[in-house]
Amino acid sequence: MDKIIFRAESDRVNAKSSGTEAIWYTVVRELNESEELASINPWNRDEAVLKKKLYLLDDCVIAIRSARSEDRIEKRDYNKGYYFIEIMNQDESIKLSSHRIYSWEQAIEYSS
């Protein structure tokens, strides 16, 4: 199945006055359901005035993997509460992992 998203846009003036975004994207899982979801601005509930179906050219996956590890000889663990950020293509044939570890909040921020 082609990977499809909807790019939708609502009234920019109304979005700006309410401090919200006027453009949003909806990833397609179920075509009918996603098309309905793409019709309403998720931030201010405005109706979409422009909606386009787009085909994604490539997929990637971002994973936040625990960096917690244990030393079985010393009976202690390390890096509790810290994480690696991994980026890979959809079939995981290419995987890149961060060289440093991050707190949960940092990992979420850098992955967004």
PDB file of N, CA and C in Angstrom:
ATOM      1  N   MET A   1       0.838  -1.190   0.000  1.00  0.00           N
ATOM      2  CA  MET A   1       0.000   0.000   0.000  1.00  0.00           C
ATOM      3  C   MET A   1       0.874   1.241   0.000  1.00  0.00           C
ATOM      4  N   ASP A   2       0.509   2.220  -0.821  1.00  0.00           N
ATOM      5  CA  ASP A   2       1.207   3.502  -0.817  1.00  0.00           C
ATOM      6  C   ASP A   2       1.038   4.170   0.530  1.00  0.00           C
ATOM      7  N   LYS A   3       2.069   4.884   0.950  1.00  0.00           N
ATOM      8  CA  LYS A   3       1.987   5.652   2.190  1.00  0.00           C
ATOM      9  C   LYS A   3       1.399   7.007   1.842  1.00  0.00           C
ATOM     10  N   ILE A   4       0.247   7.321   2.423  1.00  0.00           N
ATOM     11  CA  ILE A   4      -0.491   8.531   2.067  1.00  0.00           C
ATOM     12  C   ILE A   4      -0.673   9.409   3.300  1.00  0.00           C
ATOM     13  N   ILE A   5      -0.586  10.722   3.088  1.00  0.00           N
ATOM     14  CA  ILE A   5      -0.946  11.690   4.123  1.00  0.00           C
ATOM     15  C   ILE A   5      -1.868  12.719   3.491  1.00  0.00           C
ATOM     16  N   PHE A   6      -2.655  13.366   4.318  1.00  0.00           N
ATOM     17  CA  PHE A   6      -3.434  14.516   3.877  1.00  0.00           C
ATOM     18  C   PHE A   6      -2.792  15.763   4.456  1.00  0.00           C
ATOM     19  N   ARG A   7      -2.600  16.766   3.609  1.00  0.00           N
ATOM     20  CA  ARG A   7      -2.145  18.084   4.054  1.00  0.00           C
ATOM     21  C   ARG A   7      -3.369  18.971   3.985  1.00  0.00           C
ATOM     22  N   ALA A   8      -3.781  19.497   5.117  1.00  0.00           N
ATOM     23  CA  ALA A   8      -5.001  20.303   5.163  1.00  0.00           C
ATOM     24  C   ALA A   8      -4.692  21.687   5.705  1.00  0.00           C
ATOM     25  N   GLU A   9      -5.511  22.629   5.282  1.00  0.00           N
ATOM     26  CA  GLU A   9      -5.326  24.018   5.708  1.00  0.00           C
ATOM     27  C   GLU A   9      -6.687  24.619   6.015  1.00  0.00           C
ATOM     28  N   SER A  10      -6.742  25.392   7.099  1.00  0.00           N
ATOM     29  CA  SER A  10      -7.979  26.091   7.452  1.00  0.00           C
ATOM     30  C   SER A  10      -7.734  27.592   7.380  1.00  0.00           C
ATOM     31  N   ASP A  11      -8.726  28.353   7.746  1.00  0.00           N
ATOM     32  CA  ASP A  11      -8.666  29.815   7.702  1.00  0.00           C
ATOM     33  C   ASP A  11      -7.458  30.326   8.491  1.00  0.00           C
ATOM     34  N   ARG A  12      -6.484  30.923   7.782  1.00  0.00           N
ATOM     35  CA  ARG A  12      -5.250  31.395   8.428  1.00  0.00           C
ATOM     36  C   ARG A  12      -5.501  32.533   9.411  1.00  0.00           C
ATOM     37  N   VAL A  13      -6.397  33.444   9.074  1.00  0.00           N
ATOM     38  CA  VAL A  13      -6.673  34.590   9.947  1.00  0.00           C
ATOM     39  C   VAL A  13      -7.278  34.104  11.262  1.00  0.00           C
ATOM     40  N   ASN A  14      -8.252  33.201  11.161  1.00  0.00           N
ATOM     41  CA  ASN A  14      -8.882  32.663  12.363  1.00  0.00           C
ATOM     42  C   ASN A  14      -7.871  31.880  13.208  1.00  0.00           C
ATOM     43  N   ALA A  15      -7.012  31.102  12.561  1.00  0.00           N
ATOM     44  CA  ALA A  15      -5.999  30.331  13.291  1.00  0.00           C
ATOM     45  C   ALA A  15      -5.023  31.260  14.001  1.00  0.00           C
ATOM     46  N   LYS A  16      -4.599  32.315  13.302  1.00  0.00           N
ATOM     47  CA  LYS A  16      -3.644  33.256  13.905  1.00  0.00           C
ATOM     48  C   LYS A  16      -4.274  33.974  15.100  1.00  0.00           C
ATOM     49  N   SER A  17      -5.532  34.370  14.967  1.00  0.00           N
ATOM     50  CA  SER A  17      -6.191  35.090  16.063  1.00  0.00           C
ATOM     51  C   SER A  17      -6.416  34.200  17.287  1.00  0.00           C
ATOM     52  N   SER A  18      -6.529  32.889  17.064  1.00  0.00           N
ATOM     53  CA  SER A  18      -6.709  31.980  18.204  1.00  0.00           C
ATOM     54  C   SER A  18      -5.388  31.364  18.662  1.00  0.00           C
ATOM     55  N   GLY A  19      -4.274  31.774  18.032  1.00  0.00           N
ATOM     56  CA  GLY A  19      -2.955  31.294  18.440  1.00  0.00           C
ATOM     57  C   GLY A  19      -2.703  29.834  18.106  1.00  0.00           C
ATOM     58  N   THR A  20      -3.332  29.343  17.038  1.00  0.00           N
ATOM     59  CA  THR A  20      -3.161  27.942  16.645  1.00  0.00           C
ATOM     60  C   THR A  20      -2.559  27.859  15.253  1.00  0.00           C
ATOM     61  N   GLU A  21      -2.286  26.653  14.813  1.00  0.00           N
ATOM     62  CA  GLU A  21      -1.732  26.411  13.484  1.00  0.00           C
ATOM     63  C   GLU A  21      -2.858  26.338  12.451  1.00  0.00           C
ATOM     64  N   ALA A  22      -2.563  26.760  11.224  1.00  0.00           N
ATOM     65  CA  ALA A  22      -3.557  26.696  10.149  1.00  0.00           C
ATOM     66  C   ALA A  22      -3.327  25.499   9.229  1.00  0.00           C
ATOM     67  N   ILE A  23      -2.159  24.872   9.316  1.00  0.00           N
ATOM     68  CA  ILE A  23      -1.834  23.733   8.453  1.00  0.00           C
ATOM     69  C   ILE A  23      -1.573  22.522   9.339  1.00  0.00           C
ATOM     70  N   TRP A  24      -2.100  21.363   8.944  1.00  0.00           N
ATOM     71  CA  TRP A  24      -1.869  20.126   9.684  1.00  0.00           C
ATOM     72  C   TRP A  24      -1.796  18.960   8.719  1.00  0.00           C
ATOM     73  N   TYR A  25      -1.202  17.874   9.181  1.00  0.00           N
ATOM     74  CA  TYR A  25      -1.025  16.660   8.389  1.00  0.00           C
ATOM     75  C   TYR A  25      -1.697  15.497   9.097  1.00  0.00           C
ATOM     76  N   THR A  26      -2.303  14.611   8.321  1.00  0.00           N
ATOM     77  CA  THR A  26      -2.948  13.425   8.865  1.00  0.00           C
ATOM     78  C   THR A  26      -2.395  12.205   8.150  1.00  0.00           C
ATOM     79  N   VAL A  27      -1.801  11.286   8.899  1.00  0.00           N
ATOM     80  CA  VAL A  27      -1.268  10.050   8.327  1.00  0.00           C
ATOM     81  C   VAL A  27      -2.428   9.103   8.063  1.00  0.00           C
ATOM     82  N   VAL A  28      -2.434   8.484   6.890  1.00  0.00           N
ATOM     83  CA  VAL A  28      -3.528   7.603   6.500  1.00  0.00           C
ATOM     84  C   VAL A  28      -3.288   6.192   7.021  1.00  0.00           C
ATOM     85  N   ARG A  29      -4.243   5.714   7.794  1.00  0.00           N
ATOM     86  CA  ARG A  29      -4.258   4.313   8.215  1.00  0.00           C
ATOM     87  C   ARG A  29      -5.485   3.647   7.598  1.00  0.00           C
ATOM     88  N   GLU A  30      -6.640   4.211   7.845  1.00  0.00           N
ATOM     89  CA  GLU A  30      -7.883   3.800   7.195  1.00  0.00           C
ATOM     90  C   GLU A  30      -8.313   4.982   6.339  1.00  0.00           C
ATOM     91  N   LEU A  31      -8.374   4.808   5.024  1.00  0.00           N
ATOM     92  CA  LEU A  31      -8.580   5.931   4.111  1.00  0.00           C
ATOM     93  C   LEU A  31      -9.810   6.761   4.464  1.00  0.00           C
ATOM     94  N   ASN A  32     -10.963   6.140   4.692  1.00  0.00           N
ATOM     95  CA  ASN A  32     -12.183   6.904   4.990  1.00  0.00           C
ATOM     96  C   ASN A  32     -12.076   7.647   6.310  1.00  0.00           C
ATOM     97  N   GLU A  33     -11.612   6.963   7.344  1.00  0.00           N
ATOM     98  CA  GLU A  33     -11.497   7.581   8.667  1.00  0.00           C
ATOM     99  C   GLU A  33     -10.501   8.740   8.638  1.00  0.00           C
ATOM    100  N   SER A  34      -9.368   8.551   7.987  1.00  0.00           N
ATOM    101  CA  SER A  34      -8.335   9.585   7.950  1.00  0.00           C
ATOM    102  C   SER A  34      -8.791  10.806   7.174  1.00  0.00           C
ATOM    103  N   GLU A  35      -9.562  10.588   6.118  1.00  0.00           N
ATOM    104  CA  GLU A  35     -10.053  11.721   5.340  1.00  0.00           C
ATOM    105  C   GLU A  35     -11.001  12.572   6.182  1.00  0.00           C
ATOM    106  N   GLU A  36     -11.816  11.930   6.993  1.00  0.00           N
ATOM    107  CA  GLU A  36     -12.702  12.672   7.896  1.00  0.00           C
ATOM    108  C   GLU A  36     -11.897  13.441   8.937  1.00  0.00           C
ATOM    109  N   LEU A  37     -10.882  12.797   9.521  1.00  0.00           N
ATOM    110  CA  LEU A  37     -10.044  13.461  10.520  1.00  0.00           C
ATOM    111  C   LEU A  37      -9.312  14.658   9.930  1.00  0.00           C
ATOM    112  N   ALA A  38      -8.910  14.553   8.674  1.00  0.00           N
ATOM    113  CA  ALA A  38      -8.176  15.632   8.021  1.00  0.00           C
ATOM    114  C   ALA A  38      -9.069  16.827   7.709  1.00  0.00           C
ATOM    115  N   SER A  39     -10.371  16.666   7.800  1.00  0.00           N
ATOM    116  CA  SER A  39     -11.305  17.739   7.455  1.00  0.00           C
ATOM    117  C   SER A  39     -11.480  18.783   8.549  1.00  0.00           C
ATOM    118  N   ILE A  40     -10.999  18.494   9.760  1.00  0.00           N
ATOM    119  CA  ILE A  40     -11.171  19.410  10.896  1.00  0.00           C
ATOM    120  C   ILE A  40      -9.813  19.752  11.491  1.00  0.00           C
ATOM    121  N   ASN A  41      -9.559  21.050  11.676  1.00  0.00           N
ATOM    122  CA  ASN A  41      -8.325  21.508  12.310  1.00  0.00           C
ATOM    123  C   ASN A  41      -8.289  20.969  13.745  1.00  0.00           C
ATOM    124  N   PRO A  42      -7.256  20.186  14.101  1.00  0.00           N
ATOM    125  CA  PRO A  42      -7.234  19.572  15.434  1.00  0.00           C
ATOM    126  C   PRO A  42      -7.043  20.564  16.576  1.00  0.00           C
ATOM    127  N   TRP A  43      -6.614  21.783  16.282  1.00  0.00           N
ATOM    128  CA  TRP A  43      -6.339  22.756  17.338  1.00  0.00           C
ATOM    129  C   TRP A  43      -7.510  23.687  17.630  1.00  0.00           C
ATOM    130  N   ASN A  44      -8.202  24.139  16.575  1.00  0.00           N
ATOM    131  CA  ASN A  44      -9.296  25.089  16.836  1.00  0.00           C
ATOM    132  C   ASN A  44     -10.631  24.635  16.239  1.00  0.00           C
ATOM    133  N   ARG A  45     -10.667  23.428  15.696  1.00  0.00           N
ATOM    134  CA  ARG A  45     -11.879  22.797  15.173  1.00  0.00           C
ATOM    135  C   ARG A  45     -12.458  23.483  13.934  1.00  0.00           C
ATOM    136  N   ASP A  46     -11.692  24.349  13.257  1.00  0.00           N
ATOM    137  CA  ASP A  46     -12.139  24.931  11.990  1.00  0.00           C
ATOM    138  C   ASP A  46     -12.208  23.845  10.925  1.00  0.00           C
ATOM    139  N   GLU A  47     -13.061  24.073   9.947  1.00  0.00           N
ATOM    140  CA  GLU A  47     -13.158  23.151   8.829  1.00  0.00           C
ATOM    141  C   GLU A  47     -12.044  23.440   7.829  1.00  0.00           C
ATOM    142  N   ALA A  48     -11.528  22.396   7.196  1.00  0.00           N
ATOM    143  CA  ALA A  48     -10.467  22.563   6.195  1.00  0.00           C
ATOM    144  C   ALA A  48     -11.022  23.278   4.971  1.00  0.00           C
ATOM    145  N   VAL A  49     -10.283  24.264   4.472  1.00  0.00           N
ATOM    146  CA  VAL A  49     -10.678  24.950   3.248  1.00  0.00           C
ATOM    147  C   VAL A  49      -9.878  24.423   2.060  1.00  0.00           C
ATOM    148  N   LEU A  50      -8.792  23.733   2.344  1.00  0.00           N
ATOM    149  CA  LEU A  50      -7.952  23.163   1.296  1.00  0.00           C
ATOM    150  C   LEU A  50      -7.398  21.852   1.821  1.00  0.00           C
ATOM    151  N   LYS A  51      -7.567  20.795   1.034  1.00  0.00           N
ATOM    152  CA  LYS A  51      -7.079  19.493   1.470  1.00  0.00           C
ATOM    153  C   LYS A  51      -6.441  18.791   0.278  1.00  0.00           C
ATOM    154  N   LYS A  52      -5.215  18.282   0.471  1.00  0.00           N
ATOM    155  CA  LYS A  52      -4.513  17.579  -0.599  1.00  0.00           C
ATOM    156  C   LYS A  52      -4.113  16.196  -0.125  1.00  0.00           C
ATOM    157  N   LYS A  53      -4.256  15.207  -1.015  1.00  0.00           N
ATOM    158  CA  LYS A  53      -3.753  13.874  -0.722  1.00  0.00           C
ATOM    159  C   LYS A  53      -2.338  13.800  -1.293  1.00  0.00           C
ATOM    160  N   LEU A  54      -1.367  13.446  -0.445  1.00  0.00           N
ATOM    161  CA  LEU A  54       0.029  13.370  -0.857  1.00  0.00           C
ATOM    162  C   LEU A  54       0.556  11.957  -0.644  1.00  0.00           C
ATOM    163  N   TYR A  55       1.482  11.539  -1.505  1.00  0.00           N
ATOM    164  CA  TYR A  55       2.102  10.226  -1.393  1.00  0.00           C
ATOM    165  C   TYR A  55       3.514  10.401  -0.861  1.00  0.00           C
ATOM    166  N   LEU A  56       3.795   9.766   0.270  1.00  0.00           N
ATOM    167  CA  LEU A  56       5.118   9.888   0.865  1.00  0.00           C
ATOM    168  C   LEU A  56       6.144   9.157   0.012  1.00  0.00           C
ATOM    169  N   LEU A  57       7.307   9.754  -0.133  1.00  0.00           N
ATOM    170  CA  LEU A  57       8.362   9.161  -0.943  1.00  0.00           C
ATOM    171  C   LEU A  57       9.240   8.214  -0.148  1.00  0.00           C
ATOM    172  N   ASP A  58       9.343   8.413   1.140  1.00  0.00           N
ATOM    173  CA  ASP A  58      10.184   7.557   1.964  1.00  0.00           C
ATOM    174  C   ASP A  58       9.624   7.534   3.374  1.00  0.00           C
ATOM    175  N   ASP A  59       9.892   6.479   4.066  1.00  0.00           N
ATOM    176  CA  ASP A  59       9.454   6.351   5.451  1.00  0.00           C
ATOM    177  C   ASP A  59      10.661   6.237   6.352  1.00  0.00           C
ATOM    178  N   CYS A  60      10.526   6.726   7.550  1.00  0.00           N
ATOM    179  CA  CYS A  60      11.551   6.491   8.556  1.00  0.00           C
ATOM    180  C   CYS A  60      10.860   6.271   9.891  1.00  0.00           C
ATOM    181  N   VAL A  61      11.587   5.669  10.783  1.00  0.00           N
ATOM    182  CA  VAL A  61      11.082   5.381  12.117  1.00  0.00           C
ATOM    183  C   VAL A  61      12.044   6.005  13.110  1.00  0.00           C
ATOM    184  N   ILE A  62      11.512   6.692  14.098  1.00  0.00           N
ATOM    185  CA  ILE A  62      12.334   7.228  15.181  1.00  0.00           C
ATOM    186  C   ILE A  62      11.980   6.435  16.430  1.00  0.00           C
ATOM    187  N   ALA A  63      13.003   5.879  17.064  1.00  0.00           N
ATOM    188  CA  ALA A  63      12.790   5.101  18.288  1.00  0.00           C
ATOM    189  C   ALA A  63      13.572   5.733  19.427  1.00  0.00           C
ATOM    190  N   ILE A  64      12.989   5.687  20.596  1.00  0.00           N
ATOM    191  CA  ILE A  64      13.676   6.124  21.810  1.00  0.00           C
ATOM    192  C   ILE A  64      13.946   4.851  22.600  1.00  0.00           C
ATOM    193  N   ARG A  65      15.220   4.471  22.655  1.00  0.00           N
ATOM    194  CA  ARG A  65      15.613   3.206  23.271  1.00  0.00           C
ATOM    195  C   ARG A  65      16.307   3.449  24.608  1.00  0.00           C
ATOM    196  N   SER A  66      15.933   2.700  25.595  1.00  0.00           N
ATOM    197  CA  SER A  66      16.516   2.848  26.929  1.00  0.00           C
ATOM    198  C   SER A  66      18.025   2.611  26.893  1.00  0.00           C
ATOM    199  N   ALA A  67      18.774   3.453  27.596  1.00  0.00           N
ATOM    200  CA  ALA A  67      20.226   3.289  27.710  1.00  0.00           C
ATOM    201  C   ALA A  67      20.588   2.563  29.008  1.00  0.00           C
ATOM    202  N   ARG A  68      19.597   2.155  29.749  1.00  0.00           N
ATOM    203  CA  ARG A  68      19.847   1.474  31.026  1.00  0.00           C
ATOM    204  C   ARG A  68      20.570   0.152  30.768  1.00  0.00           C
ATOM    205  N   SER A  69      21.603  -0.086  31.538  1.00  0.00           N
ATOM    206  CA  SER A  69      22.382  -1.313  31.396  1.00  0.00           C
ATOM    207  C   SER A  69      22.841  -1.766  32.773  1.00  0.00           C
ATOM    208  N   GLU A  70      23.287  -3.013  32.840  1.00  0.00           N
ATOM    209  CA  GLU A  70      23.719  -3.517  34.143  1.00  0.00           C
ATOM    210  C   GLU A  70      25.118  -4.102  34.062  1.00  0.00           C
ATOM    211  N   ASP A  71      25.825  -4.012  35.155  1.00  0.00           N
ATOM    212  CA  ASP A  71      27.113  -4.672  35.335  1.00  0.00           C
ATOM    213  C   ASP A  71      26.832  -5.839  36.269  1.00  0.00           C
ATOM    214  N   ARG A  72      26.854  -7.044  35.733  1.00  0.00           N
ATOM    215  CA  ARG A  72      26.467  -8.217  36.522  1.00  0.00           C
ATOM    216  C   ARG A  72      27.520  -8.601  37.557  1.00  0.00           C
ATOM    217  N   ILE A  73      28.753  -8.169  37.352  1.00  0.00           N
ATOM    218  CA  ILE A  73      29.799  -8.467  38.332  1.00  0.00           C
ATOM    219  C   ILE A  73      29.658  -7.550  39.540  1.00  0.00           C
ATOM    220  N   GLU A  74      29.536  -6.247  39.288  1.00  0.00           N
ATOM    221  CA  GLU A  74      29.405  -5.283  40.386  1.00  0.00           C
ATOM    222  C   GLU A  74      27.977  -5.187  40.921  1.00  0.00           C
ATOM    223  N   LYS A  75      27.053  -5.835  40.243  1.00  0.00           N
ATOM    224  CA  LYS A  75      25.645  -5.835  40.660  1.00  0.00           C
ATOM    225  C   LYS A  75      25.062  -4.425  40.759  1.00  0.00           C
ATOM    226  N   ARG A  76      25.278  -3.623  39.732  1.00  0.00           N
ATOM    227  CA  ARG A  76      24.678  -2.288  39.700  1.00  0.00           C
ATOM    228  C   ARG A  76      24.275  -1.949  38.271  1.00  0.00           C
ATOM    229  N   ASP A  77      23.368  -1.010  38.167  1.00  0.00           N
ATOM    230  CA  ASP A  77      22.949  -0.608  36.828  1.00  0.00           C
ATOM    231  C   ASP A  77      23.383   0.828  36.548  1.00  0.00           C
ATOM    232  N   TYR A  78      23.409   1.157  35.271  1.00  0.00           N
ATOM    233  CA  TYR A  78      23.874   2.454  34.796  1.00  0.00           C
ATOM    234  C   TYR A  78      22.815   3.090  33.899  1.00  0.00           C
ATOM    235  N   ASN A  79      22.852   4.396  33.830  1.00  0.00           N
ATOM    236  CA  ASN A  79      22.052   5.181  32.879  1.00  0.00           C
ATOM    237  C   ASN A  79      20.543   5.020  33.043  1.00  0.00           C
ATOM    238  N   LYS A  80      20.096   4.749  34.255  1.00  0.00           N
ATOM    239  CA  LYS A  80      18.654   4.644  34.492  1.00  0.00           C
ATOM    240  C   LYS A  80      18.015   6.003  34.204  1.00  0.00           C
ATOM    241  N   GLY A  81      16.961   5.999  33.401  1.00  0.00           N
ATOM    242  CA  GLY A  81      16.273   7.243  33.060  1.00  0.00           C
ATOM    243  C   GLY A  81      16.887   7.980  31.878  1.00  0.00           C
ATOM    244  N   TYR A  82      17.807   7.335  31.152  1.00  0.00           N
ATOM    245  CA  TYR A  82      18.428   7.947  29.976  1.00  0.00           C
ATOM    246  C   TYR A  82      18.196   7.065  28.757  1.00  0.00           C
ATOM    247  N   TYR A  83      18.233   7.715  27.563  1.00  0.00           N
ATOM    248  CA  TYR A  83      17.801   7.043  26.348  1.00  0.00           C
ATOM    249  C   TYR A  83      18.685   7.398  25.158  1.00  0.00           C
ATOM    250  N   PHE A  84      18.769   6.457  24.193  1.00  0.00           N
ATOM    251  CA  PHE A  84      19.360   6.701  22.883  1.00  0.00           C
ATOM    252  C   PHE A  84      18.233   7.099  21.933  1.00  0.00           C
ATOM    253  N   ILE A  85      18.545   7.894  20.927  1.00  0.00           N
ATOM    254  CA  ILE A  85      17.598   8.187  19.852  1.00  0.00           C
ATOM    255  C   ILE A  85      18.076   7.423  18.631  1.00  0.00           C
ATOM    256  N   GLU A  86      17.203   6.628  18.040  1.00  0.00           N
ATOM    257  CA  GLU A  86      17.544   5.856  16.849  1.00  0.00           C
ATOM    258  C   GLU A  86      16.638   6.270  15.698  1.00  0.00           C
ATOM    259  N   ILE A  87      17.235   6.375  14.526  1.00  0.00           N
ATOM    260  CA  ILE A  87      16.491   6.687  13.302  1.00  0.00           C
ATOM    261  C   ILE A  87      16.798   5.576  12.311  1.00  0.00           C
ATOM    262  N   MET A  88      15.754   5.020  11.703  1.00  0.00           N
ATOM    263  CA  MET A  88      15.959   3.943  10.738  1.00  0.00           C
ATOM    264  C   MET A  88      14.940   4.055   9.613  1.00  0.00           C
ATOM    265  N   ASN A  89      15.276   3.439   8.479  1.00  0.00           N
ATOM    266  CA  ASN A  89      14.291   3.389   7.411  1.00  0.00           C
ATOM    267  C   ASN A  89      13.251   2.331   7.762  1.00  0.00           C
ATOM    268  N   GLN A  90      12.178   2.262   6.982  1.00  0.00           N
ATOM    269  CA  GLN A  90      11.023   1.444   7.351  1.00  0.00           C
ATOM    270  C   GLN A  90      11.376  -0.026   7.542  1.00  0.00           C
ATOM    271  N   ASP A  91      12.241  -0.579   6.704  1.00  0.00           N
ATOM    272  CA  ASP A  91      12.568  -2.005   6.841  1.00  0.00           C
ATOM    273  C   ASP A  91      13.779  -2.249   7.746  1.00  0.00           C
ATOM    274  N   GLU A  92      14.273  -1.199   8.381  1.00  0.00           N
ATOM    275  CA  GLU A  92      15.375  -1.252   9.339  1.00  0.00           C
ATOM    276  C   GLU A  92      16.688  -1.736   8.736  1.00  0.00           C
ATOM    277  N   SER A  93      16.849  -1.607   7.411  1.00  0.00           N
ATOM    278  CA  SER A  93      18.124  -1.992   6.805  1.00  0.00           C
ATOM    279  C   SER A  93      19.191  -0.929   7.055  1.00  0.00           C
ATOM    280  N   ILE A  94      18.774   0.284   7.361  1.00  0.00           N
ATOM    281  CA  ILE A  94      19.694   1.358   7.749  1.00  0.00           C
ATOM    282  C   ILE A  94      19.238   1.857   9.112  1.00  0.00           C
ATOM    283  N   LYS A  95      20.146   1.839  10.092  1.00  0.00           N
ATOM    284  CA  LYS A  95      19.794   2.270  11.442  1.00  0.00           C
ATOM    285  C   LYS A  95      20.912   3.158  11.974  1.00  0.00           C
ATOM    286  N   LEU A  96      20.558   4.345  12.416  1.00  0.00           N
ATOM    287  CA  LEU A  96      21.517   5.272  13.005  1.00  0.00           C
ATOM    288  C   LEU A  96      21.135   5.490  14.459  1.00  0.00           C
ATOM    289  N   SER A  97      22.128   5.466  15.336  1.00  0.00           N
ATOM    290  CA  SER A  97      21.869   5.631  16.759  1.00  0.00           C
ATOM    291  C   SER A  97      22.698   6.793  17.288  1.00  0.00           C
ATOM    292  N   SER A  98      22.138   7.535  18.231  1.00  0.00           N
ATOM    293  CA  SER A  98      22.863   8.670  18.807  1.00  0.00           C
ATOM    294  C   SER A  98      24.111   8.174  19.532  1.00  0.00           C
ATOM    295  N   HIS A  99      25.129   9.024  19.571  1.00  0.00           N
ATOM    296  CA  HIS A  99      26.372   8.689  20.267  1.00  0.00           C
ATOM    297  C   HIS A  99      26.347   9.150  21.711  1.00  0.00           C
ATOM    298  N   ARG A 100      25.305   9.831  22.086  1.00  0.00           N
ATOM    299  CA  ARG A 100      25.167  10.240  23.482  1.00  0.00           C
ATOM    300  C   ARG A 100      23.784   9.843  23.967  1.00  0.00           C
ATOM    301  N   ILE A 101      23.577   9.934  25.259  1.00  0.00           N
ATOM    302  CA  ILE A 101      22.289   9.573  25.837  1.00  0.00           C
ATOM    303  C   ILE A 101      21.578  10.835  26.311  1.00  0.00           C
ATOM    304  N   TYR A 102      20.250  10.744  26.386  1.00  0.00           N
ATOM    305  CA  TYR A 102      19.419  11.898  26.700  1.00  0.00           C
ATOM    306  C   TYR A 102      18.419  11.541  27.791  1.00  0.00           C
ATOM    307  N   SER A 103      18.006  12.550  28.549  1.00  0.00           N
ATOM    308  CA  SER A 103      16.891  12.352  29.475  1.00  0.00           C
ATOM    309  C   SER A 103      15.630  12.149  28.631  1.00  0.00           C
ATOM    310  N   TRP A 104      14.568  11.663  29.248  1.00  0.00           N
ATOM    311  CA  TRP A 104      13.317  11.436  28.521  1.00  0.00           C
ATOM    312  C   TRP A 104      12.820  12.729  27.866  1.00  0.00           C
ATOM    313  N   GLU A 105      12.854  13.820  28.608  1.00  0.00           N
ATOM    314  CA  GLU A 105      12.376  15.105  28.086  1.00  0.00           C
ATOM    315  C   GLU A 105      13.209  15.550  26.883  1.00  0.00           C
ATOM    316  N   GLN A 106      14.534  15.398  26.967  1.00  0.00           N
ATOM    317  CA  GLN A 106      15.403  15.772  25.845  1.00  0.00           C
ATOM    318  C   GLN A 106      15.137  14.871  24.640  1.00  0.00           C
ATOM    319  N   ALA A 107      14.992  13.577  24.865  1.00  0.00           N
ATOM    320  CA  ALA A 107      14.751  12.638  23.767  1.00  0.00           C
ATOM    321  C   ALA A 107      13.459  12.984  23.038  1.00  0.00           C
ATOM    322  N   ILE A 108      12.417  13.312  23.783  1.00  0.00           N
ATOM    323  CA  ILE A 108      11.145  13.709  23.168  1.00  0.00           C
ATOM    324  C   ILE A 108      11.327  15.000  22.379  1.00  0.00           C
ATOM    325  N   GLU A 109      12.005  15.976  22.961  1.00  0.00           N
ATOM    326  CA  GLU A 109      12.213  17.264  22.297  1.00  0.00           C
ATOM    327  C   GLU A 109      13.008  17.098  21.006  1.00  0.00           C
ATOM    328  N   TYR A 110      14.104  16.355  21.040  1.00  0.00           N
ATOM    329  CA  TYR A 110      14.952  16.195  19.857  1.00  0.00           C
ATOM    330  C   TYR A 110      14.310  15.307  18.800  1.00  0.00           C
ATOM    331  N   SER A 111      13.402  14.432  19.196  1.00  0.00           N
ATOM    332  CA  SER A 111      12.737  13.540  18.247  1.00  0.00           C
ATOM    333  C   SER A 111      11.554  14.200  17.556  1.00  0.00           C
ATOM    334  N   SER A 112      11.099  15.326  18.088  1.00  0.00           N
ATOM    335  CA  SER A 112       9.893  15.972  17.553  1.00  0.00           C
ATOM    336  C   SER A 112      10.194  16.837  16.358  1.00  0.00           C
TER     337      SER A 112
END
